[in-house]
Amino acid sequence: KLARMPGEDNQPARLDRQSSGGPAGKEDILGMRVAPMDRALRARLDVEGGAMVLGVDAGSPAERAGMQRGDVIVRCNGQAVRDPGQLGAAVAKTAPGSTVRLLVQREGGRAFVAFTR
């Protein structure tokens, strides 16, 4: 069962193919909508930080890689992801056409997901 989504209290970030590298919650990359997680949700999911996926756009690189609503992205290309801003910054450092590697927590387990930026 998925955790309660943080959309009501937090403004989700819309993520498509562009990244501004701006502040947390304002990133656009890879066809995902993500939101930061509050302390209670992080404790319940037993993660120190991350970006929770609220939705995945049809036909996007994220969908083709198997990303799902409720996934928590905890690492990107080996770097810790504490919030959507860090996720955007890490992806922005990846050259277009290069592989983006995410460590995702899903339903109590962790898995690596890789796709082309």
PDB file of N, CA and C in Angstrom:
ATOM      1  N   LYS A   1       0.842  -1.179   0.000  1.00  0.00           N
ATOM      2  CA  LYS A   1       0.000   0.000   0.000  1.00  0.00           C
ATOM      3  C   LYS A   1       0.886   1.240   0.000  1.00  0.00           C
ATOM      4  N   LEU A   2       0.538   2.218  -0.847  1.00  0.00           N
ATOM      5  CA  LEU A   2       1.343   3.427  -0.957  1.00  0.00           C
ATOM      6  C   LEU A   2       1.079   4.367   0.209  1.00  0.00           C
ATOM      7  N   ALA A   3       2.099   5.115   0.543  1.00  0.00           N
ATOM      8  CA  ALA A   3       1.965   6.126   1.590  1.00  0.00           C
ATOM      9  C   ALA A   3       1.069   7.255   1.092  1.00  0.00           C
ATOM     10  N   ARG A   4       0.503   8.002   2.018  1.00  0.00           N
ATOM     11  CA  ARG A   4      -0.301   9.169   1.665  1.00  0.00           C
ATOM     12  C   ARG A   4       0.557  10.134   0.864  1.00  0.00           C
ATOM     13  N   MET A   5       0.043  10.613  -0.233  1.00  0.00           N
ATOM     14  CA  MET A   5       0.782  11.517  -1.096  1.00  0.00           C
ATOM     15  C   MET A   5       0.806  12.918  -0.499  1.00  0.00           C
ATOM     16  N   PRO A   6       1.929  13.613  -0.637  1.00  0.00           N
ATOM     17  CA  PRO A   6       2.060  14.917  -0.003  1.00  0.00           C
ATOM     18  C   PRO A   6       1.500  16.080  -0.812  1.00  0.00           C
ATOM     19  N   GLY A   7       0.716  15.882  -1.824  1.00  0.00           N
ATOM     20  CA  GLY A   7       0.246  16.949  -2.691  1.00  0.00           C
ATOM     21  C   GLY A   7      -0.601  18.018  -2.035  1.00  0.00           C
ATOM     22  N   GLU A   8      -1.375  17.690  -0.995  1.00  0.00           N
ATOM     23  CA  GLU A   8      -2.262  18.683  -0.396  1.00  0.00           C
ATOM     24  C   GLU A   8      -1.498  19.781   0.332  1.00  0.00           C
ATOM     25  N   ASP A   9      -0.434  19.423   1.027  1.00  0.00           N
ATOM     26  CA  ASP A   9       0.294  20.397   1.836  1.00  0.00           C
ATOM     27  C   ASP A   9       1.511  20.974   1.128  1.00  0.00           C
ATOM     28  N   ASN A  10       2.021  20.269   0.141  1.00  0.00           N
ATOM     29  CA  ASN A  10       3.228  20.704  -0.562  1.00  0.00           C
ATOM     30  C   ASN A  10       2.902  20.932  -2.023  1.00  0.00           C
ATOM     31  N   GLN A  11       3.466  21.957  -2.595  1.00  0.00           N
ATOM     32  CA  GLN A  11       3.286  22.210  -4.016  1.00  0.00           C
ATOM     33  C   GLN A  11       4.183  21.254  -4.790  1.00  0.00           C
ATOM     34  N   PRO A  12       3.607  20.364  -5.616  1.00  0.00           N
ATOM     35  CA  PRO A  12       4.451  19.433  -6.356  1.00  0.00           C
ATOM     36  C   PRO A  12       5.246  20.139  -7.444  1.00  0.00           C
ATOM     37  N   ALA A  13       6.373  19.581  -7.772  1.00  0.00           N
ATOM     38  CA  ALA A  13       7.171  20.086  -8.885  1.00  0.00           C
ATOM     39  C   ALA A  13       6.791  19.305 -10.127  1.00  0.00           C
ATOM     40  N   ARG A  14       6.705  19.964 -11.257  1.00  0.00           N
ATOM     41  CA  ARG A  14       6.429  19.287 -12.509  1.00  0.00           C
ATOM     42  C   ARG A  14       7.769  19.034 -13.162  1.00  0.00           C
ATOM     43  N   LEU A  15       8.035  17.783 -13.456  1.00  0.00           N
ATOM     44  CA  LEU A  15       9.328  17.417 -13.999  1.00  0.00           C
ATOM     45  C   LEU A  15       9.177  16.948 -15.429  1.00  0.00           C
ATOM     46  N   ASP A  16       9.832  17.634 -16.371  1.00  0.00           N
ATOM     47  CA  ASP A  16       9.877  17.160 -17.745  1.00  0.00           C
ATOM     48  C   ASP A  16      11.327  17.145 -18.191  1.00  0.00           C
ATOM     49  N   ARG A  17      11.648  17.520 -19.405  1.00  0.00           N
ATOM     50  CA  ARG A  17      13.010  17.354 -19.902  1.00  0.00           C
ATOM     51  C   ARG A  17      13.950  18.504 -19.564  1.00  0.00           C
ATOM     52  N   GLN A  18      13.479  19.578 -18.970  1.00  0.00           N
ATOM     53  CA  GLN A  18      14.344  20.709 -18.682  1.00  0.00           C
ATOM     54  C   GLN A  18      14.534  20.857 -17.187  1.00  0.00           C
ATOM     55  N   SER A  19      15.710  21.329 -16.807  1.00  0.00           N
ATOM     56  CA  SER A  19      15.977  21.557 -15.393  1.00  0.00           C
ATOM     57  C   SER A  19      16.598  22.925 -15.212  1.00  0.00           C
ATOM     58  N   SER A  20      16.080  23.667 -14.263  1.00  0.00           N
ATOM     59  CA  SER A  20      16.633  24.982 -13.984  1.00  0.00           C
ATOM     60  C   SER A  20      17.691  24.937 -12.907  1.00  0.00           C
ATOM     61  N   GLY A  21      17.780  23.817 -12.169  1.00  0.00           N
ATOM     62  CA  GLY A  21      18.705  23.752 -11.051  1.00  0.00           C
ATOM     63  C   GLY A  21      18.321  24.706  -9.937  1.00  0.00           C
ATOM     64  N   GLY A  22      17.059  25.123  -9.909  1.00  0.00           N
ATOM     65  CA  GLY A  22      16.576  26.104  -8.952  1.00  0.00           C
ATOM     66  C   GLY A  22      16.269  25.507  -7.590  1.00  0.00           C
ATOM     67  N   PRO A  23      15.494  26.239  -6.798  1.00  0.00           N
ATOM     68  CA  PRO A  23      15.217  25.806  -5.430  1.00  0.00           C
ATOM     69  C   PRO A  23      14.343  24.560  -5.364  1.00  0.00           C
ATOM     70  N   ALA A  24      14.328  23.945  -4.187  1.00  0.00           N
ATOM     71  CA  ALA A  24      13.564  22.715  -3.971  1.00  0.00           C
ATOM     72  C   ALA A  24      12.118  22.897  -4.392  1.00  0.00           C
ATOM     73  N   GLY A  25      11.578  21.884  -5.082  1.00  0.00           N
ATOM     74  CA  GLY A  25      10.190  21.908  -5.493  1.00  0.00           C
ATOM     75  C   GLY A  25       9.934  22.639  -6.788  1.00  0.00           C
ATOM     76  N   LYS A  26      10.959  23.090  -7.484  1.00  0.00           N
ATOM     77  CA  LYS A  26      10.780  23.884  -8.695  1.00  0.00           C
ATOM     78  C   LYS A  26      11.516  23.308  -9.904  1.00  0.00           C
ATOM     79  N   GLU A  27      11.739  22.019  -9.936  1.00  0.00           N
ATOM     80  CA  GLU A  27      12.523  21.400 -10.997  1.00  0.00           C
ATOM     81  C   GLU A  27      11.653  20.824 -12.105  1.00  0.00           C
ATOM     82  N   ASP A  28      12.161  20.804 -13.326  1.00  0.00           N
ATOM     83  CA  ASP A  28      11.494  20.233 -14.485  1.00  0.00           C
ATOM     84  C   ASP A  28      12.431  19.253 -15.178  1.00  0.00           C
ATOM     85  N   ILE A  29      12.216  17.929 -14.959  1.00  0.00           N
ATOM     86  CA  ILE A  29      13.054  16.908 -15.584  1.00  0.00           C
ATOM     87  C   ILE A  29      12.328  15.582 -15.749  1.00  0.00           C
ATOM     88  N   LEU A  30      12.562  14.916 -16.817  1.00  0.00           N
ATOM     89  CA  LEU A  30      12.295  13.489 -17.012  1.00  0.00           C
ATOM     90  C   LEU A  30      10.848  13.017 -16.942  1.00  0.00           C
ATOM     91  N   GLY A  31       9.875  13.890 -16.976  1.00  0.00           N
ATOM     92  CA  GLY A  31       8.483  13.470 -17.031  1.00  0.00           C
ATOM     93  C   GLY A  31       7.880  12.992 -15.732  1.00  0.00           C
ATOM     94  N   MET A  32       8.338  13.524 -14.601  1.00  0.00           N
ATOM     95  CA  MET A  32       7.778  13.162 -13.292  1.00  0.00           C
ATOM     96  C   MET A  32       7.327  14.411 -12.555  1.00  0.00           C
ATOM     97  N   ARG A  33       6.286  14.249 -11.736  1.00  0.00           N
ATOM     98  CA  ARG A  33       5.882  15.283 -10.787  1.00  0.00           C
ATOM     99  C   ARG A  33       6.293  14.774  -9.416  1.00  0.00           C
ATOM    100  N   VAL A  34       7.100  15.549  -8.714  1.00  0.00           N
ATOM    101  CA  VAL A  34       7.598  15.127  -7.405  1.00  0.00           C
ATOM    102  C   VAL A  34       7.324  16.194  -6.360  1.00  0.00           C
ATOM    103  N   ALA A  35       7.392  15.782  -5.103  1.00  0.00           N
ATOM    104  CA  ALA A  35       7.200  16.708  -3.987  1.00  0.00           C
ATOM    105  C   ALA A  35       8.181  16.354  -2.885  1.00  0.00           C
ATOM    106  N   PRO A  36       8.567  17.345  -2.089  1.00  0.00           N
ATOM    107  CA  PRO A  36       9.382  17.047  -0.911  1.00  0.00           C
ATOM    108  C   PRO A  36       8.535  16.289   0.102  1.00  0.00           C
ATOM    109  N   MET A  37       9.201  15.654   1.045  1.00  0.00           N
ATOM    110  CA  MET A  37       8.502  14.890   2.078  1.00  0.00           C
ATOM    111  C   MET A  37       8.710  15.553   3.427  1.00  0.00           C
ATOM    112  N   ASP A  38       7.650  15.632   4.220  1.00  0.00           N
ATOM    113  CA  ASP A  38       7.796  16.200   5.556  1.00  0.00           C
ATOM    114  C   ASP A  38       8.439  15.172   6.489  1.00  0.00           C
ATOM    115  N   ARG A  39       8.805  15.619   7.675  1.00  0.00           N
ATOM    116  CA  ARG A  39       9.518  14.779   8.635  1.00  0.00           C
ATOM    117  C   ARG A  39       8.733  13.513   8.990  1.00  0.00           C
ATOM    118  N   ALA A  40       7.425  13.639   9.187  1.00  0.00           N
ATOM    119  CA  ALA A  40       6.608  12.478   9.569  1.00  0.00           C
ATOM    120  C   ALA A  40       6.589  11.421   8.467  1.00  0.00           C
ATOM    121  N   LEU A  41       6.463  11.847   7.219  1.00  0.00           N
ATOM    122  CA  LEU A  41       6.450  10.893   6.108  1.00  0.00           C
ATOM    123  C   LEU A  41       7.816  10.230   5.950  1.00  0.00           C
ATOM    124  N   ARG A  42       8.890  11.013   6.090  1.00  0.00           N
ATOM    125  CA  ARG A  42      10.235  10.424   6.013  1.00  0.00           C
ATOM    126  C   ARG A  42      10.419   9.371   7.096  1.00  0.00           C
ATOM    127  N   ALA A  43       9.951   9.665   8.308  1.00  0.00           N
ATOM    128  CA  ALA A  43      10.081   8.699   9.411  1.00  0.00           C
ATOM    129  C   ALA A  43       9.266   7.445   9.130  1.00  0.00           C
ATOM    130  N   ARG A  44       8.051   7.614   8.631  1.00  0.00           N
ATOM    131  CA  ARG A  44       7.197   6.459   8.351  1.00  0.00           C
ATOM    132  C   ARG A  44       7.778   5.565   7.262  1.00  0.00           C
ATOM    133  N   LEU A  45       8.424   6.175   6.264  1.00  0.00           N
ATOM    134  CA  LEU A  45       9.018   5.407   5.171  1.00  0.00           C
ATOM    135  C   LEU A  45      10.456   4.996   5.463  1.00  0.00           C
ATOM    136  N   ASP A  46      11.000   5.445   6.603  1.00  0.00           N
ATOM    137  CA  ASP A  46      12.360   5.131   7.025  1.00  0.00           C
ATOM    138  C   ASP A  46      13.395   5.584   5.997  1.00  0.00           C
ATOM    139  N   VAL A  47      13.272   6.854   5.575  1.00  0.00           N
ATOM    140  CA  VAL A  47      14.253   7.466   4.681  1.00  0.00           C
ATOM    141  C   VAL A  47      14.687   8.791   5.294  1.00  0.00           C
ATOM    142  N   GLU A  48      15.926   9.198   5.011  1.00  0.00           N
ATOM    143  CA  GLU A  48      16.438  10.465   5.528  1.00  0.00           C
ATOM    144  C   GLU A  48      15.972  11.646   4.697  1.00  0.00           C
ATOM    145  N   GLY A  49      15.675  11.406   3.455  1.00  0.00           N
ATOM    146  CA  GLY A  49      15.234  12.450   2.541  1.00  0.00           C
ATOM    147  C   GLY A  49      14.810  11.804   1.252  1.00  0.00           C
ATOM    148  N   GLY A  50      14.560  12.628   0.255  1.00  0.00           N
ATOM    149  CA  GLY A  50      14.177  12.093  -1.038  1.00  0.00           C
ATOM    150  C   GLY A  50      13.132  12.962  -1.694  1.00  0.00           C
ATOM    151  N   ALA A  51      12.763  12.572  -2.891  1.00  0.00           N
ATOM    152  CA  ALA A  51      11.719  13.242  -3.652  1.00  0.00           C
ATOM    153  C   ALA A  51      10.658  12.201  -3.969  1.00  0.00           C
ATOM    154  N   MET A  52       9.429  12.433  -3.505  1.00  0.00           N
ATOM    155  CA  MET A  52       8.352  11.473  -3.735  1.00  0.00           C
ATOM    156  C   MET A  52       7.692  11.741  -5.080  1.00  0.00           C
ATOM    157  N   VAL A  53       7.537  10.686  -5.871  1.00  0.00           N
ATOM    158  CA  VAL A  53       6.908  10.794  -7.185  1.00  0.00           C
ATOM    159  C   VAL A  53       5.392  10.824  -6.994  1.00  0.00           C
ATOM    160  N   LEU A  54       4.779  11.924  -7.457  1.00  0.00           N
ATOM    161  CA  LEU A  54       3.325  12.066  -7.386  1.00  0.00           C
ATOM    162  C   LEU A  54       2.653  11.592  -8.660  1.00  0.00           C
ATOM    163  N   GLY A  55       3.383  11.608  -9.763  1.00  0.00           N
ATOM    164  CA  GLY A  55       2.830  11.179 -11.041  1.00  0.00           C
ATOM    165  C   GLY A  55       3.913  11.083 -12.086  1.00  0.00           C
ATOM    166  N   VAL A  56       3.632  10.301 -13.123  1.00  0.00           N
ATOM    167  CA  VAL A  56       4.577  10.085 -14.218  1.00  0.00           C
ATOM    168  C   VAL A  56       3.830  10.331 -15.523  1.00  0.00           C
ATOM    169  N   ASP A  57       4.398  11.146 -16.399  1.00  0.00           N
ATOM    170  CA  ASP A  57       3.764  11.464 -17.673  1.00  0.00           C
ATOM    171  C   ASP A  57       3.864  10.309 -18.657  1.00  0.00           C
ATOM    172  N   ALA A  58       2.765  10.042 -19.353  1.00  0.00           N
ATOM    173  CA  ALA A  58       2.732   8.989 -20.369  1.00  0.00           C
ATOM    174  C   ALA A  58       3.759   9.283 -21.459  1.00  0.00           C
ATOM    175  N   GLY A  59       4.515   8.267 -21.837  1.00  0.00           N
ATOM    176  CA  GLY A  59       5.500   8.392 -22.905  1.00  0.00           C
ATOM    177  C   GLY A  59       6.805   9.048 -22.502  1.00  0.00           C
ATOM    178  N   SER A  60       6.947   9.428 -21.251  1.00  0.00           N
ATOM    179  CA  SER A  60       8.159  10.123 -20.791  1.00  0.00           C
ATOM    180  C   SER A  60       9.280   9.126 -20.528  1.00  0.00           C
ATOM    181  N   PRO A  61      10.529   9.622 -20.443  1.00  0.00           N
ATOM    182  CA  PRO A  61      11.632   8.731 -20.071  1.00  0.00           C
ATOM    183  C   PRO A  61      11.372   8.032 -18.736  1.00  0.00           C
ATOM    184  N   ALA A  62      10.768   8.733 -17.790  1.00  0.00           N
ATOM    185  CA  ALA A  62      10.478   8.134 -16.483  1.00  0.00           C
ATOM    186  C   ALA A  62       9.495   6.975 -16.612  1.00  0.00           C
ATOM    187  N   GLU A  63       8.464   7.142 -17.429  1.00  0.00           N
ATOM    188  CA  GLU A  63       7.499   6.053 -17.610  1.00  0.00           C
ATOM    189  C   GLU A  63       8.158   4.855 -18.287  1.00  0.00           C
ATOM    190  N   ARG A  64       8.940   5.115 -19.323  1.00  0.00           N
ATOM    191  CA  ARG A  64       9.609   4.014 -20.035  1.00  0.00           C
ATOM    192  C   ARG A  64      10.561   3.252 -19.113  1.00  0.00           C
ATOM    193  N   ALA A  65      11.117   3.935 -18.111  1.00  0.00           N
ATOM    194  CA  ALA A  65      12.037   3.280 -17.170  1.00  0.00           C
ATOM    195  C   ALA A  65      11.300   2.543 -16.059  1.00  0.00           C
ATOM    196  N   GLY A  66       9.988   2.745 -15.951  1.00  0.00           N
ATOM    197  CA  GLY A  66       9.219   2.033 -14.937  1.00  0.00           C
ATOM    198  C   GLY A  66       8.968   2.795 -13.654  1.00  0.00           C
ATOM    199  N   MET A  67       9.219   4.103 -13.645  1.00  0.00           N
ATOM    200  CA  MET A  67       8.931   4.895 -12.446  1.00  0.00           C
ATOM    201  C   MET A  67       7.435   4.864 -12.176  1.00  0.00           C
ATOM    202  N   GLN A  68       7.062   4.897 -10.882  1.00  0.00           N
ATOM    203  CA  GLN A  68       5.663   4.783 -10.485  1.00  0.00           C
ATOM    204  C   GLN A  68       5.304   5.820  -9.437  1.00  0.00           C
ATOM    205  N   ARG A  69       4.031   6.164  -9.400  1.00  0.00           N
ATOM    206  CA  ARG A  69       3.508   7.037  -8.354  1.00  0.00           C
ATOM    207  C   ARG A  69       3.798   6.378  -7.002  1.00  0.00           C
ATOM    208  N   GLY A  70       4.310   7.161  -6.063  1.00  0.00           N
ATOM    209  CA  GLY A  70       4.639   6.645  -4.741  1.00  0.00           C
ATOM    210  C   GLY A  70       6.099   6.264  -4.575  1.00  0.00           C
ATOM    211  N   ASP A  71       6.853   6.161  -5.681  1.00  0.00           N
ATOM    212  CA  ASP A  71       8.289   5.908  -5.572  1.00  0.00           C
ATOM    213  C   ASP A  71       8.947   7.065  -4.830  1.00  0.00           C
ATOM    214  N   VAL A  72       9.980   6.771  -4.070  1.00  0.00           N
ATOM    215  CA  VAL A  72      10.772   7.804  -3.410  1.00  0.00           C
ATOM    216  C   VAL A  72      12.181   7.720  -3.973  1.00  0.00           C
ATOM    217  N   ILE A  73      12.615   8.774  -4.635  1.00  0.00           N
ATOM    218  CA  ILE A  73      13.957   8.831  -5.213  1.00  0.00           C
ATOM    219  C   ILE A  73      14.908   9.265  -4.106  1.00  0.00           C
ATOM    220  N   VAL A  74      15.861   8.384  -3.754  1.00  0.00           N
ATOM    221  CA  VAL A  74      16.776   8.677  -2.650  1.00  0.00           C
ATOM    222  C   VAL A  74      18.207   8.954  -3.115  1.00  0.00           C
ATOM    223  N   ARG A  75      18.559   8.538  -4.332  1.00  0.00           N
ATOM    224  CA  ARG A  75      19.884   8.827  -4.885  1.00  0.00           C
ATOM    225  C   ARG A  75      19.759   9.030  -6.385  1.00  0.00           C
ATOM    226  N   CYS A  76      20.599   9.901  -6.919  1.00  0.00           N
ATOM    227  CA  CYS A  76      20.666  10.142  -8.363  1.00  0.00           C
ATOM    228  C   CYS A  76      22.132  10.163  -8.759  1.00  0.00           C
ATOM    229  N   ASN A  77      22.514   9.248  -9.627  1.00  0.00           N
ATOM    230  CA  ASN A  77      23.905   9.147 -10.084  1.00  0.00           C
ATOM    231  C   ASN A  77      24.882   9.107  -8.910  1.00  0.00           C
ATOM    232  N   GLY A  78      24.513   8.379  -7.870  1.00  0.00           N
ATOM    233  CA  GLY A  78      25.381   8.192  -6.715  1.00  0.00           C
ATOM    234  C   GLY A  78      25.304   9.274  -5.659  1.00  0.00           C
ATOM    235  N   GLN A  79      24.567  10.354  -5.930  1.00  0.00           N
ATOM    236  CA  GLN A  79      24.454  11.455  -4.973  1.00  0.00           C
ATOM    237  C   GLN A  79      23.148  11.340  -4.194  1.00  0.00           C
ATOM    238  N   ALA A  80      23.203  11.622  -2.900  1.00  0.00           N
ATOM    239  CA  ALA A  80      21.988  11.616  -2.083  1.00  0.00           C
ATOM    240  C   ALA A  80      21.015  12.668  -2.592  1.00  0.00           C
ATOM    241  N   VAL A  81      19.735  12.332  -2.568  1.00  0.00           N
ATOM    242  CA  VAL A  81      18.664  13.258  -2.935  1.00  0.00           C
ATOM    243  C   VAL A  81      17.855  13.526  -1.670  1.00  0.00           C
ATOM    244  N   ARG A  82      17.917  14.744  -1.173  1.00  0.00           N
ATOM    245  CA  ARG A  82      17.168  15.106   0.033  1.00  0.00           C
ATOM    246  C   ARG A  82      15.822  15.737  -0.309  1.00  0.00           C
ATOM    247  N   ASP A  83      15.720  16.333  -1.518  1.00  0.00           N
ATOM    248  CA  ASP A  83      14.496  17.023  -1.922  1.00  0.00           C
ATOM    249  C   ASP A  83      14.496  17.187  -3.446  1.00  0.00           C
ATOM    250  N   PRO A  84      13.389  17.678  -4.027  1.00  0.00           N
ATOM    251  CA  PRO A  84      13.336  17.838  -5.483  1.00  0.00           C
ATOM    252  C   PRO A  84      14.422  18.755  -6.045  1.00  0.00           C
ATOM    253  N   GLY A  85      14.858  19.750  -5.275  1.00  0.00           N
ATOM    254  CA  GLY A  85      15.922  20.640  -5.745  1.00  0.00           C
ATOM    255  C   GLY A  85      17.225  19.907  -5.980  1.00  0.00           C
ATOM    256  N   GLN A  86      17.587  19.011  -5.057  1.00  0.00           N
ATOM    257  CA  GLN A  86      18.812  18.230  -5.236  1.00  0.00           C
ATOM    258  C   GLN A  86      18.676  17.255  -6.395  1.00  0.00           C
ATOM    259  N   LEU A  87      17.486  16.698  -6.583  1.00  0.00           N
ATOM    260  CA  LEU A  87      17.262  15.815  -7.725  1.00  0.00           C
ATOM    261  C   LEU A  87      17.468  16.580  -9.023  1.00  0.00           C
ATOM    262  N   GLY A  88      16.880  17.757  -9.125  1.00  0.00           N
ATOM    263  CA  GLY A  88      17.033  18.571 -10.329  1.00  0.00           C
ATOM    264  C   GLY A  88      18.474  18.953 -10.595  1.00  0.00           C
ATOM    265  N   ALA A  89      19.204  19.319  -9.548  1.00  0.00           N
ATOM    266  CA  ALA A  89      20.610  19.692  -9.705  1.00  0.00           C
ATOM    267  C   ALA A  89      21.443  18.508 -10.176  1.00  0.00           C
ATOM    268  N   ALA A  90      21.180  17.318  -9.627  1.00  0.00           N
ATOM    269  CA  ALA A  90      21.937  16.125 -10.023  1.00  0.00           C
ATOM    270  C   ALA A  90      21.655  15.753 -11.469  1.00  0.00           C
ATOM    271  N   VAL A  91      20.401  15.843 -11.889  1.00  0.00           N
ATOM    272  CA  VAL A  91      20.061  15.515 -13.279  1.00  0.00           C
ATOM    273  C   VAL A  91      20.628  16.561 -14.227  1.00  0.00           C
ATOM    274  N   ALA A  92      20.628  17.827 -13.812  1.00  0.00           N
ATOM    275  CA  ALA A  92      21.161  18.891 -14.660  1.00  0.00           C
ATOM    276  C   ALA A  92      22.643  18.688 -14.965  1.00  0.00           C
ATOM    277  N   LYS A  93      23.363  18.014 -14.074  1.00  0.00           N
ATOM    278  CA  LYS A  93      24.784  17.735 -14.294  1.00  0.00           C
ATOM    279  C   LYS A  93      25.001  16.596 -15.280  1.00  0.00           C
ATOM    280  N   THR A  94      23.932  15.885 -15.638  1.00  0.00           N
ATOM    281  CA  THR A  94      24.025  14.764 -16.570  1.00  0.00           C
ATOM    282  C   THR A  94      23.809  15.290 -17.978  1.00  0.00           C
ATOM    283  N   ALA A  95      24.737  15.028 -18.869  1.00  0.00           N
ATOM    284  CA  ALA A  95      24.635  15.513 -20.243  1.00  0.00           C
ATOM    285  C   ALA A  95      23.434  14.891 -20.951  1.00  0.00           C
ATOM    286  N   PRO A  96      22.751  15.668 -21.812  1.00  0.00           N
ATOM    287  CA  PRO A  96      21.665  15.091 -22.604  1.00  0.00           C
ATOM    288  C   PRO A  96      22.163  13.865 -23.370  1.00  0.00           C
ATOM    289  N   GLY A  97      21.357  12.824 -23.380  1.00  0.00           N
ATOM    290  CA  GLY A  97      21.730  11.571 -24.028  1.00  0.00           C
ATOM    291  C   GLY A  97      22.473  10.615 -23.120  1.00  0.00           C
ATOM    292  N   SER A  98      22.858  11.087 -21.918  1.00  0.00           N
ATOM    293  CA  SER A  98      23.558  10.234 -20.956  1.00  0.00           C
ATOM    294  C   SER A  98      22.554   9.487 -20.084  1.00  0.00           C
ATOM    295  N   THR A  99      23.054   8.480 -19.380  1.00  0.00           N
ATOM    296  CA  THR A  99      22.212   7.682 -18.500  1.00  0.00           C
ATOM    297  C   THR A  99      22.074   8.339 -17.136  1.00  0.00           C
ATOM    298  N   VAL A 100      20.842   8.401 -16.655  1.00  0.00           N
ATOM    299  CA  VAL A 100      20.531   8.860 -15.302  1.00  0.00           C
ATOM    300  C   VAL A 100      20.218   7.608 -14.494  1.00  0.00           C
ATOM    301  N   ARG A 101      20.907   7.432 -13.367  1.00  0.00           N
ATOM    302  CA  ARG A 101      20.693   6.262 -12.505  1.00  0.00           C
ATOM    303  C   ARG A 101      20.085   6.718 -11.186  1.00  0.00           C
ATOM    304  N   LEU A 102      18.922   6.181 -10.883  1.00  0.00           N
ATOM    305  CA  LEU A 102      18.221   6.536  -9.652  1.00  0.00           C
ATOM    306  C   LEU A 102      18.137   5.335  -8.733  1.00  0.00           C
ATOM    307  N   LEU A 103      18.303   5.580  -7.444  1.00  0.00           N
ATOM    308  CA  LEU A 103      17.996   4.574  -6.435  1.00  0.00           C
ATOM    309  C   LEU A 103      16.634   4.962  -5.880  1.00  0.00           C
ATOM    310  N   VAL A 104      15.687   4.034  -6.006  1.00  0.00           N
ATOM    311  CA  VAL A 104      14.295   4.307  -5.677  1.00  0.00           C
ATOM    312  C   VAL A 104      13.837   3.376  -4.568  1.00  0.00           C
ATOM    313  N   GLN A 105      13.157   3.932  -3.586  1.00  0.00           N
ATOM    314  CA  GLN A 105      12.505   3.098  -2.576  1.00  0.00           C
ATOM    315  C   GLN A 105      11.061   2.918  -3.014  1.00  0.00           C
ATOM    316  N   ARG A 106      10.648   1.646  -3.062  1.00  0.00           N
ATOM    317  CA  ARG A 106       9.290   1.313  -3.498  1.00  0.00           C
ATOM    318  C   ARG A 106       8.778   0.176  -2.636  1.00  0.00           C
ATOM    319  N   GLU A 107       7.643   0.390  -1.975  1.00  0.00           N
ATOM    320  CA  GLU A 107       6.972  -0.651  -1.199  1.00  0.00           C
ATOM    321  C   GLU A 107       7.920  -1.396  -0.260  1.00  0.00           C
ATOM    322  N   GLY A 108       8.747  -0.648   0.469  1.00  0.00           N
ATOM    323  CA  GLY A 108       9.616  -1.247   1.470  1.00  0.00           C
ATOM    324  C   GLY A 108      10.943  -1.763   0.965  1.00  0.00           C
ATOM    325  N   GLY A 109      11.152  -1.808  -0.333  1.00  0.00           N
ATOM    326  CA  GLY A 109      12.418  -2.263  -0.893  1.00  0.00           C
ATOM    327  C   GLY A 109      13.061  -1.162  -1.710  1.00  0.00           C
ATOM    328  N   ARG A 110      14.268  -1.413  -2.153  1.00  0.00           N
ATOM    329  CA  ARG A 110      14.980  -0.442  -2.988  1.00  0.00           C
ATOM    330  C   ARG A 110      15.395  -1.094  -4.291  1.00  0.00           C
ATOM    331  N   ALA A 111      15.403  -0.293  -5.347  1.00  0.00           N
ATOM    332  CA  ALA A 111      15.790  -0.785  -6.667  1.00  0.00           C
ATOM    333  C   ALA A 111      16.464   0.344  -7.430  1.00  0.00           C
ATOM    334  N   PHE A 112      17.355  -0.026  -8.343  1.00  0.00           N
ATOM    335  CA  PHE A 112      17.961   0.946  -9.239  1.00  0.00           C
ATOM    336  C   PHE A 112      17.121   1.041 -10.501  1.00  0.00           C
ATOM    337  N   VAL A 113      16.952   2.262 -10.987  1.00  0.00           N
ATOM    338  CA  VAL A 113      16.245   2.526 -12.235  1.00  0.00           C
ATOM    339  C   VAL A 113      17.179   3.392 -13.068  1.00  0.00           C
ATOM    340  N   ALA A 114      17.356   3.040 -14.330  1.00  0.00           N
ATOM    341  CA  ALA A 114      18.239   3.811 -15.206  1.00  0.00           C
ATOM    342  C   ALA A 114      17.499   4.158 -16.489  1.00  0.00           C
ATOM    343  N   PHE A 115      17.722   5.371 -16.974  1.00  0.00           N
ATOM    344  CA  PHE A 115      17.155   5.776 -18.253  1.00  0.00           C
ATOM    345  C   PHE A 115      17.961   6.910 -18.834  1.00  0.00           C
ATOM    346  N   THR A 116      17.716   7.207 -20.102  1.00  0.00           N
ATOM    347  CA  THR A 116      18.465   8.228 -20.817  1.00  0.00           C
ATOM    348  C   THR A 116      17.805   9.579 -20.631  1.00  0.00           C
ATOM    349  N   ARG A 117      18.633  10.563 -20.350  1.00  0.00           N
ATOM    350  CA  ARG A 117      18.135  11.933 -20.183  1.00  0.00           C
ATOM    351  C   ARG A 117      17.827  12.508 -21.536  1.00  0.00           C
TER     352      ARG A 117
END
